[in-house]
Amino acid sequence: MGAVTGLRLLPWSDPDGKPCYLASDDAHSPLSRRADAIEAVQMSMGVELLRHARALLAAPKADARELRYLADRLCEALRDVLRVAESRGARLPPCDEGDGPAPVGGGCD
């Protein structure tokens, strides 16, 4: 087994709320595949929640209780998506100095 080059931030926390990491360079390991699947679910749920939010915000009779609940769910979805972005960004290959400025989305072409 070769040296591990980095840690992967996983899309879940431990019971104390601390981040969990995977030390493996095998992107196809069972735990890596599980993390990929959970990230896909989190992203999909965020898309659906955004659709629901737009509909609820357009509803003239939405009450404060519904809007507070929506705000809580949007905060959770944003937290999840930011964790996915951080995890994926950390796994991008480094750019060479001669590549010029990094694209807006980060990474190299």
PDB file of N, CA and C in Angstrom:
ATOM      1  N   MET A   1       0.854  -1.177   0.000  1.00  0.00           N
ATOM      2  CA  MET A   1       0.000   0.000   0.000  1.00  0.00           C
ATOM      3  C   MET A   1       0.895   1.234   0.000  1.00  0.00           C
ATOM      4  N   GLY A   2       0.610   2.186  -0.905  1.00  0.00           N
ATOM      5  CA  GLY A   2       1.421   3.388  -1.028  1.00  0.00           C
ATOM      6  C   GLY A   2       1.069   4.420   0.021  1.00  0.00           C
ATOM      7  N   ALA A   3       1.820   5.487   0.003  1.00  0.00           N
ATOM      8  CA  ALA A   3       1.579   6.578   0.948  1.00  0.00           C
ATOM      9  C   ALA A   3       0.302   7.328   0.570  1.00  0.00           C
ATOM     10  N   VAL A   4      -0.444   7.705   1.554  1.00  0.00           N
ATOM     11  CA  VAL A   4      -1.662   8.479   1.349  1.00  0.00           C
ATOM     12  C   VAL A   4      -1.262   9.936   1.153  1.00  0.00           C
ATOM     13  N   THR A   5      -1.783  10.549   0.083  1.00  0.00           N
ATOM     14  CA  THR A   5      -1.383  11.921  -0.220  1.00  0.00           C
ATOM     15  C   THR A   5      -2.275  12.968   0.432  1.00  0.00           C
ATOM     16  N   GLY A   6      -3.430  12.595   0.897  1.00  0.00           N
ATOM     17  CA  GLY A   6      -4.308  13.589   1.518  1.00  0.00           C
ATOM     18  C   GLY A   6      -5.499  12.945   2.194  1.00  0.00           C
ATOM     19  N   LEU A   7      -6.204  13.748   2.923  1.00  0.00           N
ATOM     20  CA  LEU A   7      -7.401  13.287   3.604  1.00  0.00           C
ATOM     21  C   LEU A   7      -8.623  13.797   2.854  1.00  0.00           C
ATOM     22  N   ARG A   8      -9.642  12.972   2.783  1.00  0.00           N
ATOM     23  CA  ARG A   8     -10.906  13.383   2.172  1.00  0.00           C
ATOM     24  C   ARG A   8     -11.887  13.744   3.274  1.00  0.00           C
ATOM     25  N   LEU A   9     -12.413  14.956   3.210  1.00  0.00           N
ATOM     26  CA  LEU A   9     -13.471  15.369   4.122  1.00  0.00           C
ATOM     27  C   LEU A   9     -14.733  14.614   3.737  1.00  0.00           C
ATOM     28  N   LEU A  10     -15.294  13.891   4.683  1.00  0.00           N
ATOM     29  CA  LEU A  10     -16.491  13.099   4.419  1.00  0.00           C
ATOM     30  C   LEU A  10     -17.749  13.934   4.644  1.00  0.00           C
ATOM     31  N   PRO A  11     -18.858  13.542   4.011  1.00  0.00           N
ATOM     32  CA  PRO A  11     -20.078  14.349   4.105  1.00  0.00           C
ATOM     33  C   PRO A  11     -20.892  14.109   5.371  1.00  0.00           C
ATOM     34  N   TRP A  12     -20.237  13.727   6.440  1.00  0.00           N
ATOM     35  CA  TRP A  12     -20.919  13.563   7.720  1.00  0.00           C
ATOM     36  C   TRP A  12     -19.959  13.928   8.842  1.00  0.00           C
ATOM     37  N   SER A  13     -20.516  14.119  10.012  1.00  0.00           N
ATOM     38  CA  SER A  13     -19.730  14.471  11.201  1.00  0.00           C
ATOM     39  C   SER A  13     -19.817  13.350  12.216  1.00  0.00           C
ATOM     40  N   ASP A  14     -18.924  13.391  13.205  1.00  0.00           N
ATOM     41  CA  ASP A  14     -19.010  12.413  14.290  1.00  0.00           C
ATOM     42  C   ASP A  14     -20.118  12.852  15.257  1.00  0.00           C
ATOM     43  N   PRO A  15     -20.434  12.038  16.263  1.00  0.00           N
ATOM     44  CA  PRO A  15     -21.521  12.394  17.191  1.00  0.00           C
ATOM     45  C   PRO A  15     -21.327  13.736  17.903  1.00  0.00           C
ATOM     46  N   ASP A  16     -20.084  14.203  18.002  1.00  0.00           N
ATOM     47  CA  ASP A  16     -19.817  15.499  18.643  1.00  0.00           C
ATOM     48  C   ASP A  16     -19.844  16.657  17.648  1.00  0.00           C
ATOM     49  N   GLY A  17     -20.165  16.373  16.380  1.00  0.00           N
ATOM     50  CA  GLY A  17     -20.228  17.420  15.365  1.00  0.00           C
ATOM     51  C   GLY A  17     -18.898  17.733  14.707  1.00  0.00           C
ATOM     52  N   LYS A  18     -17.875  16.944  15.018  1.00  0.00           N
ATOM     53  CA  LYS A  18     -16.551  17.180  14.427  1.00  0.00           C
ATOM     54  C   LYS A  18     -16.485  16.518  13.049  1.00  0.00           C
ATOM     55  N   PRO A  19     -15.729  17.111  12.113  1.00  0.00           N
ATOM     56  CA  PRO A  19     -15.644  16.536  10.769  1.00  0.00           C
ATOM     57  C   PRO A  19     -14.977  15.168  10.780  1.00  0.00           C
ATOM     58  N   CYS A  20     -15.379  14.340   9.835  1.00  0.00           N
ATOM     59  CA  CYS A  20     -14.781  13.019   9.643  1.00  0.00           C
ATOM     60  C   CYS A  20     -13.979  13.037   8.345  1.00  0.00           C
ATOM     61  N   TYR A  21     -12.875  12.324   8.343  1.00  0.00           N
ATOM     62  CA  TYR A  21     -11.990  12.283   7.188  1.00  0.00           C
ATOM     63  C   TYR A  21     -11.688  10.841   6.824  1.00  0.00           C
ATOM     64  N   LEU A  22     -11.391  10.623   5.541  1.00  0.00           N
ATOM     65  CA  LEU A  22     -10.974   9.325   5.037  1.00  0.00           C
ATOM     66  C   LEU A  22      -9.538   9.453   4.558  1.00  0.00           C
ATOM     67  N   ALA A  23      -8.666   8.584   5.059  1.00  0.00           N
ATOM     68  CA  ALA A  23      -7.266   8.559   4.636  1.00  0.00           C
ATOM     69  C   ALA A  23      -7.094   7.419   3.641  1.00  0.00           C
ATOM     70  N   SER A  24      -7.305   7.717   2.358  1.00  0.00           N
ATOM     71  CA  SER A  24      -7.174   6.716   1.306  1.00  0.00           C
ATOM     72  C   SER A  24      -7.008   7.416  -0.029  1.00  0.00           C
ATOM     73  N   ASP A  25      -6.180   6.848  -0.877  1.00  0.00           N
ATOM     74  CA  ASP A  25      -6.046   7.364  -2.237  1.00  0.00           C
ATOM     75  C   ASP A  25      -6.913   6.576  -3.210  1.00  0.00           C
ATOM     76  N   ASP A  26      -7.667   5.612  -2.703  1.00  0.00           N
ATOM     77  CA  ASP A  26      -8.516   4.766  -3.538  1.00  0.00           C
ATOM     78  C   ASP A  26      -9.897   5.395  -3.667  1.00  0.00           C
ATOM     79  N   ALA A  27     -10.134   6.061  -4.793  1.00  0.00           N
ATOM     80  CA  ALA A  27     -11.424   6.728  -5.018  1.00  0.00           C
ATOM     81  C   ALA A  27     -12.558   5.732  -5.211  1.00  0.00           C
ATOM     82  N   HIS A  28     -12.228   4.447  -5.319  1.00  0.00           N
ATOM     83  CA  HIS A  28     -13.255   3.429  -5.542  1.00  0.00           C
ATOM     84  C   HIS A  28     -13.425   2.500  -4.342  1.00  0.00           C
ATOM     85  N   SER A  29     -12.857   2.881  -3.210  1.00  0.00           N
ATOM     86  CA  SER A  29     -13.030   2.065  -2.005  1.00  0.00           C
ATOM     87  C   SER A  29     -14.496   2.117  -1.583  1.00  0.00           C
ATOM     88  N   PRO A  30     -14.955   1.131  -0.820  1.00  0.00           N
ATOM     89  CA  PRO A  30     -16.359   1.147  -0.384  1.00  0.00           C
ATOM     90  C   PRO A  30     -16.742   2.435   0.347  1.00  0.00           C
ATOM     91  N   LEU A  31     -15.869   2.943   1.206  1.00  0.00           N
ATOM     92  CA  LEU A  31     -16.203   4.164   1.942  1.00  0.00           C
ATOM     93  C   LEU A  31     -16.209   5.385   1.019  1.00  0.00           C
ATOM     94  N   SER A  32     -15.306   5.431   0.055  1.00  0.00           N
ATOM     95  CA  SER A  32     -15.308   6.530  -0.919  1.00  0.00           C
ATOM     96  C   SER A  32     -16.588   6.508  -1.746  1.00  0.00           C
ATOM     97  N   ARG A  33     -16.996   5.321  -2.182  1.00  0.00           N
ATOM     98  CA  ARG A  33     -18.235   5.211  -2.962  1.00  0.00           C
ATOM     99  C   ARG A  33     -19.443   5.603  -2.121  1.00  0.00           C
ATOM    100  N   ARG A  34     -19.441   5.231  -0.847  1.00  0.00           N
ATOM    101  CA  ARG A  34     -20.546   5.603   0.052  1.00  0.00           C
ATOM    102  C   ARG A  34     -20.594   7.123   0.223  1.00  0.00           C
ATOM    103  N   ALA A  35     -19.434   7.734   0.415  1.00  0.00           N
ATOM    104  CA  ALA A  35     -19.375   9.194   0.550  1.00  0.00           C
ATOM    105  C   ALA A  35     -19.859   9.870  -0.729  1.00  0.00           C
ATOM    106  N   ASP A  36     -19.464   9.339  -1.896  1.00  0.00           N
ATOM    107  CA  ASP A  36     -19.932   9.889  -3.172  1.00  0.00           C
ATOM    108  C   ASP A  36     -21.451   9.817  -3.266  1.00  0.00           C
ATOM    109  N   ALA A  37     -22.020   8.683  -2.854  1.00  0.00           N
ATOM    110  CA  ALA A  37     -23.477   8.505  -2.916  1.00  0.00           C
ATOM    111  C   ALA A  37     -24.188   9.484  -1.982  1.00  0.00           C
ATOM    112  N   ILE A  38     -23.659   9.668  -0.789  1.00  0.00           N
ATOM    113  CA  ILE A  38     -24.281  10.599   0.164  1.00  0.00           C
ATOM    114  C   ILE A  38     -24.177  12.030  -0.353  1.00  0.00           C
ATOM    115  N   GLU A  39     -23.030  12.391  -0.919  1.00  0.00           N
ATOM    116  CA  GLU A  39     -22.889  13.730  -1.498  1.00  0.00           C
ATOM    117  C   GLU A  39     -23.913  13.944  -2.611  1.00  0.00           C
ATOM    118  N   ALA A  40     -24.125  12.928  -3.448  1.00  0.00           N
ATOM    119  CA  ALA A  40     -25.103  13.050  -4.534  1.00  0.00           C
ATOM    120  C   ALA A  40     -26.506  13.259  -3.976  1.00  0.00           C
ATOM    121  N   VAL A  41     -26.854  12.537  -2.917  1.00  0.00           N
ATOM    122  CA  VAL A  41     -28.164  12.704  -2.281  1.00  0.00           C
ATOM    123  C   VAL A  41     -28.284  14.109  -1.697  1.00  0.00           C
ATOM    124  N   GLN A  42     -27.245  14.576  -1.022  1.00  0.00           N
ATOM    125  CA  GLN A  42     -27.277  15.918  -0.432  1.00  0.00           C
ATOM    126  C   GLN A  42     -27.469  16.988  -1.506  1.00  0.00           C
ATOM    127  N   MET A  43     -26.772  16.859  -2.614  1.00  0.00           N
ATOM    128  CA  MET A  43     -26.912  17.834  -3.697  1.00  0.00           C
ATOM    129  C   MET A  43     -28.322  17.786  -4.282  1.00  0.00           C
ATOM    130  N   SER A  44     -28.842  16.595  -4.489  1.00  0.00           N
ATOM    131  CA  SER A  44     -30.193  16.434  -5.031  1.00  0.00           C
ATOM    132  C   SER A  44     -31.240  17.014  -4.084  1.00  0.00           C
ATOM    133  N   MET A  45     -31.070  16.767  -2.801  1.00  0.00           N
ATOM    134  CA  MET A  45     -32.003  17.316  -1.816  1.00  0.00           C
ATOM    135  C   MET A  45     -31.943  18.841  -1.809  1.00  0.00           C
ATOM    136  N   GLY A  46     -30.761  19.402  -1.987  1.00  0.00           N
ATOM    137  CA  GLY A  46     -30.624  20.853  -2.050  1.00  0.00           C
ATOM    138  C   GLY A  46     -31.374  21.441  -3.235  1.00  0.00           C
ATOM    139  N   VAL A  47     -31.299  20.764  -4.374  1.00  0.00           N
ATOM    140  CA  VAL A  47     -32.018  21.217  -5.569  1.00  0.00           C
ATOM    141  C   VAL A  47     -33.523  21.190  -5.317  1.00  0.00           C
ATOM    142  N   GLU A  48     -34.013  20.096  -4.747  1.00  0.00           N
ATOM    143  CA  GLU A  48     -35.445  19.979  -4.457  1.00  0.00           C
ATOM    144  C   GLU A  48     -35.889  21.014  -3.427  1.00  0.00           C
ATOM    145  N   LEU A  49     -35.080  21.239  -2.423  1.00  0.00           N
ATOM    146  CA  LEU A  49     -35.418  22.226  -1.398  1.00  0.00           C
ATOM    147  C   LEU A  49     -35.477  23.629  -1.994  1.00  0.00           C
ATOM    148  N   LEU A  50     -34.579  23.931  -2.898  1.00  0.00           N
ATOM    149  CA  LEU A  50     -34.597  25.236  -3.552  1.00  0.00           C
ATOM    150  C   LEU A  50     -35.889  25.427  -4.350  1.00  0.00           C
ATOM    151  N   ARG A  51     -36.323  24.379  -5.038  1.00  0.00           N
ATOM    152  CA  ARG A  51     -37.602  24.451  -5.768  1.00  0.00           C
ATOM    153  C   ARG A  51     -38.755  24.713  -4.800  1.00  0.00           C
ATOM    154  N   HIS A  52     -38.747  23.985  -3.694  1.00  0.00           N
ATOM    155  CA  HIS A  52     -39.799  24.164  -2.688  1.00  0.00           C
ATOM    156  C   HIS A  52     -39.751  25.580  -2.111  1.00  0.00           C
ATOM    157  N   ALA A  53     -38.555  26.078  -1.858  1.00  0.00           N
ATOM    158  CA  ALA A  53     -38.406  27.422  -1.291  1.00  0.00           C
ATOM    159  C   ALA A  53     -38.979  28.475  -2.228  1.00  0.00           C
ATOM    160  N   ARG A  54     -38.674  28.346  -3.507  1.00  0.00           N
ATOM    161  CA  ARG A  54     -39.210  29.316  -4.472  1.00  0.00           C
ATOM    162  C   ARG A  54     -40.734  29.298  -4.477  1.00  0.00           C
ATOM    163  N   ALA A  55     -41.307  28.093  -4.431  1.00  0.00           N
ATOM    164  CA  ALA A  55     -42.769  27.978  -4.430  1.00  0.00           C
ATOM    165  C   ALA A  55     -43.364  28.563  -3.154  1.00  0.00           C
ATOM    166  N   LEU A  56     -42.763  28.250  -2.018  1.00  0.00           N
ATOM    167  CA  LEU A  56     -43.291  28.748  -0.747  1.00  0.00           C
ATOM    168  C   LEU A  56     -43.168  30.270  -0.657  1.00  0.00           C
ATOM    169  N   LEU A  57     -42.056  30.803  -1.104  1.00  0.00           N
ATOM    170  CA  LEU A  57     -41.870  32.255  -1.052  1.00  0.00           C
ATOM    171  C   LEU A  57     -42.822  32.992  -2.000  1.00  0.00           C
ATOM    172  N   ALA A  58     -43.271  32.308  -3.036  1.00  0.00           N
ATOM    173  CA  ALA A  58     -44.226  32.913  -3.965  1.00  0.00           C
ATOM    174  C   ALA A  58     -45.666  32.803  -3.465  1.00  0.00           C
ATOM    175  N   ALA A  59     -45.876  31.966  -2.449  1.00  0.00           N
ATOM    176  CA  ALA A  59     -47.227  31.767  -1.914  1.00  0.00           C
ATOM    177  C   ALA A  59     -47.581  32.917  -0.971  1.00  0.00           C
ATOM    178  N   PRO A  60     -48.631  33.655  -1.268  1.00  0.00           N
ATOM    179  CA  PRO A  60     -48.979  34.803  -0.420  1.00  0.00           C
ATOM    180  C   PRO A  60     -49.432  34.410   0.989  1.00  0.00           C
ATOM    181  N   LYS A  61     -49.853  33.171   1.180  1.00  0.00           N
ATOM    182  CA  LYS A  61     -50.367  32.774   2.493  1.00  0.00           C
ATOM    183  C   LYS A  61     -49.346  31.997   3.331  1.00  0.00           C
ATOM    184  N   ALA A  62     -48.093  31.993   2.930  1.00  0.00           N
ATOM    185  CA  ALA A  62     -47.067  31.307   3.724  1.00  0.00           C
ATOM    186  C   ALA A  62     -46.942  32.014   5.066  1.00  0.00           C
ATOM    187  N   ASP A  63     -47.001  31.227   6.145  1.00  0.00           N
ATOM    188  CA  ASP A  63     -46.931  31.854   7.473  1.00  0.00           C
ATOM    189  C   ASP A  63     -45.512  31.782   8.044  1.00  0.00           C
ATOM    190  N   ALA A  64     -45.324  32.448   9.163  1.00  0.00           N
ATOM    191  CA  ALA A  64     -43.994  32.550   9.782  1.00  0.00           C
ATOM    192  C   ALA A  64     -43.442  31.182  10.168  1.00  0.00           C
ATOM    193  N   ARG A  65     -44.297  30.293  10.645  1.00  0.00           N
ATOM    194  CA  ARG A  65     -43.849  28.952  11.039  1.00  0.00           C
ATOM    195  C   ARG A  65     -43.280  28.204   9.835  1.00  0.00           C
ATOM    196  N   GLU A  66     -43.969  28.266   8.705  1.00  0.00           N
ATOM    197  CA  GLU A  66     -43.496  27.605   7.487  1.00  0.00           C
ATOM    198  C   GLU A  66     -42.181  28.221   7.005  1.00  0.00           C
ATOM    199  N   LEU A  67     -42.098  29.522   7.064  1.00  0.00           N
ATOM    200  CA  LEU A  67     -40.886  30.197   6.600  1.00  0.00           C
ATOM    201  C   LEU A  67     -39.694  29.916   7.508  1.00  0.00           C
ATOM    202  N   ARG A  68     -39.925  29.835   8.819  1.00  0.00           N
ATOM    203  CA  ARG A  68     -38.840  29.479   9.750  1.00  0.00           C
ATOM    204  C   ARG A  68     -38.354  28.057   9.482  1.00  0.00           C
ATOM    205  N   TYR A  69     -39.296  27.145   9.276  1.00  0.00           N
ATOM    206  CA  TYR A  69     -38.940  25.760   8.971  1.00  0.00           C
ATOM    207  C   TYR A  69     -38.117  25.711   7.677  1.00  0.00           C
ATOM    208  N   LEU A  70     -38.577  26.444   6.671  1.00  0.00           N
ATOM    209  CA  LEU A  70     -37.856  26.508   5.404  1.00  0.00           C
ATOM    210  C   LEU A  70     -36.445  27.060   5.607  1.00  0.00           C
ATOM    211  N   ALA A  71     -36.321  28.123   6.381  1.00  0.00           N
ATOM    212  CA  ALA A  71     -35.000  28.717   6.632  1.00  0.00           C
ATOM    213  C   ALA A  71     -34.067  27.719   7.315  1.00  0.00           C
ATOM    214  N   ASP A  72     -34.584  26.949   8.261  1.00  0.00           N
ATOM    215  CA  ASP A  72     -33.762  25.925   8.923  1.00  0.00           C
ATOM    216  C   ASP A  72     -33.277  24.881   7.921  1.00  0.00           C
ATOM    217  N   ARG A  73     -34.181  24.411   7.054  1.00  0.00           N
ATOM    218  CA  ARG A  73     -33.805  23.395   6.066  1.00  0.00           C
ATOM    219  C   ARG A  73     -32.812  23.969   5.050  1.00  0.00           C
ATOM    220  N   LEU A  74     -33.006  25.232   4.654  1.00  0.00           N
ATOM    221  CA  LEU A  74     -32.062  25.859   3.727  1.00  0.00           C
ATOM    222  C   LEU A  74     -30.674  25.983   4.349  1.00  0.00           C
ATOM    223  N   CYS A  75     -30.611  26.304   5.637  1.00  0.00           N
ATOM    224  CA  CYS A  75     -29.314  26.372   6.336  1.00  0.00           C
ATOM    225  C   CYS A  75     -28.635  25.011   6.343  1.00  0.00           C
ATOM    226  N   GLU A  76     -29.400  23.960   6.606  1.00  0.00           N
ATOM    227  CA  GLU A  76     -28.834  22.606   6.598  1.00  0.00           C
ATOM    228  C   GLU A  76     -28.313  22.245   5.209  1.00  0.00           C
ATOM    229  N   ALA A  77     -29.101  22.554   4.177  1.00  0.00           N
ATOM    230  CA  ALA A  77     -28.694  22.234   2.810  1.00  0.00           C
ATOM    231  C   ALA A  77     -27.445  23.018   2.415  1.00  0.00           C
ATOM    232  N   LEU A  78     -27.389  24.284   2.799  1.00  0.00           N
ATOM    233  CA  LEU A  78     -26.212  25.098   2.493  1.00  0.00           C
ATOM    234  C   LEU A  78     -24.980  24.534   3.192  1.00  0.00           C
ATOM    235  N   ARG A  79     -25.121  24.144   4.447  1.00  0.00           N
ATOM    236  CA  ARG A  79     -24.003  23.536   5.180  1.00  0.00           C
ATOM    237  C   ARG A  79     -23.505  22.290   4.445  1.00  0.00           C
ATOM    238  N   ASP A  80     -24.441  21.438   4.010  1.00  0.00           N
ATOM    239  CA  ASP A  80     -24.061  20.205   3.317  1.00  0.00           C
ATOM    240  C   ASP A  80     -23.350  20.496   1.998  1.00  0.00           C
ATOM    241  N   VAL A  81     -23.890  21.420   1.218  1.00  0.00           N
ATOM    242  CA  VAL A  81     -23.301  21.736  -0.082  1.00  0.00           C
ATOM    243  C   VAL A  81     -21.927  22.385   0.080  1.00  0.00           C
ATOM    244  N   LEU A  82     -21.767  23.235   1.085  1.00  0.00           N
ATOM    245  CA  LEU A  82     -20.451  23.833   1.333  1.00  0.00           C
ATOM    246  C   LEU A  82     -19.432  22.773   1.734  1.00  0.00           C
ATOM    247  N   ARG A  83     -19.859  21.777   2.487  1.00  0.00           N
ATOM    248  CA  ARG A  83     -18.956  20.683   2.864  1.00  0.00           C
ATOM    249  C   ARG A  83     -18.552  19.884   1.628  1.00  0.00           C
ATOM    250  N   VAL A  84     -19.511  19.613   0.746  1.00  0.00           N
ATOM    251  CA  VAL A  84     -19.204  18.899  -0.498  1.00  0.00           C
ATOM    252  C   VAL A  84     -18.212  19.716  -1.330  1.00  0.00           C
ATOM    253  N   ALA A  85     -18.457  21.013  -1.452  1.00  0.00           N
ATOM    254  CA  ALA A  85     -17.556  21.873  -2.226  1.00  0.00           C
ATOM    255  C   ALA A  85     -16.154  21.885  -1.622  1.00  0.00           C
ATOM    256  N   GLU A  86     -16.070  21.982  -0.310  1.00  0.00           N
ATOM    257  CA  GLU A  86     -14.759  21.972   0.354  1.00  0.00           C
ATOM    258  C   GLU A  86     -14.041  20.655   0.106  1.00  0.00           C
ATOM    259  N   SER A  87     -14.764  19.548   0.236  1.00  0.00           N
ATOM    260  CA  SER A  87     -14.174  18.231   0.040  1.00  0.00           C
ATOM    261  C   SER A  87     -13.685  18.054  -1.394  1.00  0.00           C
ATOM    262  N   ARG A  88     -14.518  18.430  -2.343  1.00  0.00           N
ATOM    263  CA  ARG A  88     -14.141  18.269  -3.750  1.00  0.00           C
ATOM    264  C   ARG A  88     -13.029  19.232  -4.145  1.00  0.00           C
ATOM    265  N   GLY A  89     -13.082  20.446  -3.637  1.00  0.00           N
ATOM    266  CA  GLY A  89     -12.037  21.419  -3.938  1.00  0.00           C
ATOM    267  C   GLY A  89     -10.681  20.973  -3.425  1.00  0.00           C
ATOM    268  N   ALA A  90     -10.670  20.346  -2.259  1.00  0.00           N
ATOM    269  CA  ALA A  90      -9.413  19.876  -1.675  1.00  0.00           C
ATOM    270  C   ALA A  90      -8.813  18.731  -2.480  1.00  0.00           C
ATOM    271  N   ARG A  91      -9.629  18.053  -3.285  1.00  0.00           N
ATOM    272  CA  ARG A  91      -9.139  16.921  -4.076  1.00  0.00           C
ATOM    273  C   ARG A  91      -8.764  17.297  -5.501  1.00  0.00           C
ATOM    274  N   LEU A  92      -8.904  18.589  -5.861  1.00  0.00           N
ATOM    275  CA  LEU A  92      -8.485  19.020  -7.192  1.00  0.00           C
ATOM    276  C   LEU A  92      -6.968  18.976  -7.288  1.00  0.00           C
ATOM    277  N   PRO A  93      -6.448  18.660  -8.474  1.00  0.00           N
ATOM    278  CA  PRO A  93      -4.990  18.655  -8.616  1.00  0.00           C
ATOM    279  C   PRO A  93      -4.449  20.075  -8.509  1.00  0.00           C
ATOM    280  N   PRO A  94      -3.244  20.222  -7.955  1.00  0.00           N
ATOM    281  CA  PRO A  94      -2.658  21.564  -7.850  1.00  0.00           C
ATOM    282  C   PRO A  94      -2.299  22.098  -9.234  1.00  0.00           C
ATOM    283  N   CYS A  95      -2.352  23.408  -9.379  1.00  0.00           N
ATOM    284  CA  CYS A  95      -1.975  24.062 -10.639  1.00  0.00           C
ATOM    285  C   CYS A  95      -0.477  24.320 -10.637  1.00  0.00           C
ATOM    286  N   ASP A  96       0.125  24.274 -11.818  1.00  0.00           N
ATOM    287  CA  ASP A  96       1.523  24.677 -11.960  1.00  0.00           C
ATOM    288  C   ASP A  96       1.583  26.194 -11.939  1.00  0.00           C
ATOM    289  N   GLU A  97       2.691  26.739 -11.458  1.00  0.00           N
ATOM    290  CA  GLU A  97       2.871  28.193 -11.402  1.00  0.00           C
ATOM    291  C   GLU A  97       2.728  28.820 -12.786  1.00  0.00           C
ATOM    292  N   GLY A  98       3.142  28.122 -13.841  1.00  0.00           N
ATOM    293  CA  GLY A  98       3.104  28.664 -15.192  1.00  0.00           C
ATOM    294  C   GLY A  98       1.737  28.604 -15.844  1.00  0.00           C
ATOM    295  N   ASP A  99       0.750  28.059 -15.148  1.00  0.00           N
ATOM    296  CA  ASP A  99      -0.585  27.924 -15.727  1.00  0.00           C
ATOM    297  C   ASP A  99      -1.354  29.236 -15.755  1.00  0.00           C
ATOM    298  N   GLY A 100      -0.855  30.274 -15.112  1.00  0.00           N
ATOM    299  CA  GLY A 100      -1.581  31.538 -15.042  1.00  0.00           C
ATOM    300  C   GLY A 100      -2.601  31.488 -13.924  1.00  0.00           C
ATOM    301  N   PRO A 101      -3.476  32.489 -13.868  1.00  0.00           N
ATOM    302  CA  PRO A 101      -4.459  32.529 -12.780  1.00  0.00           C
ATOM    303  C   PRO A 101      -5.431  31.358 -12.880  1.00  0.00           C
ATOM    304  N   ALA A 102      -5.866  30.898 -11.729  1.00  0.00           N
ATOM    305  CA  ALA A 102      -6.826  29.794 -11.691  1.00  0.00           C
ATOM    306  C   ALA A 102      -8.169  30.281 -12.205  1.00  0.00           C
ATOM    307  N   PRO A 103      -8.936  29.402 -12.879  1.00  0.00           N
ATOM    308  CA  PRO A 103     -10.273  29.778 -13.312  1.00  0.00           C
ATOM    309  C   PRO A 103     -11.141  30.131 -12.113  1.00  0.00           C
ATOM    310  N   VAL A 104     -12.224  30.844 -12.375  1.00  0.00           N
ATOM    311  CA  VAL A 104     -13.117  31.289 -11.301  1.00  0.00           C
ATOM    312  C   VAL A 104     -13.541  30.127 -10.421  1.00  0.00           C
ATOM    313  N   GLY A 105     -13.835  28.972 -10.993  1.00  0.00           N
ATOM    314  CA  GLY A 105     -14.270  27.820 -10.216  1.00  0.00           C
ATOM    315  C   GLY A 105     -13.135  27.077  -9.551  1.00  0.00           C
ATOM    316  N   GLY A 106     -11.907  27.510  -9.734  1.00  0.00           N
ATOM    317  CA  GLY A 106     -10.752  26.827  -9.160  1.00  0.00           C
ATOM    318  C   GLY A 106     -10.298  25.701 -10.066  1.00  0.00           C
ATOM    319  N   GLY A 107      -9.251  25.019  -9.689  1.00  0.00           N
ATOM    320  CA  GLY A 107      -8.758  23.896 -10.466  1.00  0.00           C
ATOM    321  C   GLY A 107      -7.959  24.345 -11.676  1.00  0.00           C
ATOM    322  N   CYS A 108      -7.557  23.375 -12.474  1.00  0.00           N
ATOM    323  CA  CYS A 108      -6.754  23.632 -13.666  1.00  0.00           C
ATOM    324  C   CYS A 108      -7.458  23.052 -14.874  1.00  0.00           C
ATOM    325  N   ASP A 109      -7.191  23.611 -16.019  1.00  0.00           N
ATOM    326  CA  ASP A 109      -7.745  23.061 -17.268  1.00  0.00           C
ATOM    327  C   ASP A 109      -6.755  22.119 -17.888  1.00  0.00           C
TER     328      ASP A 109
END
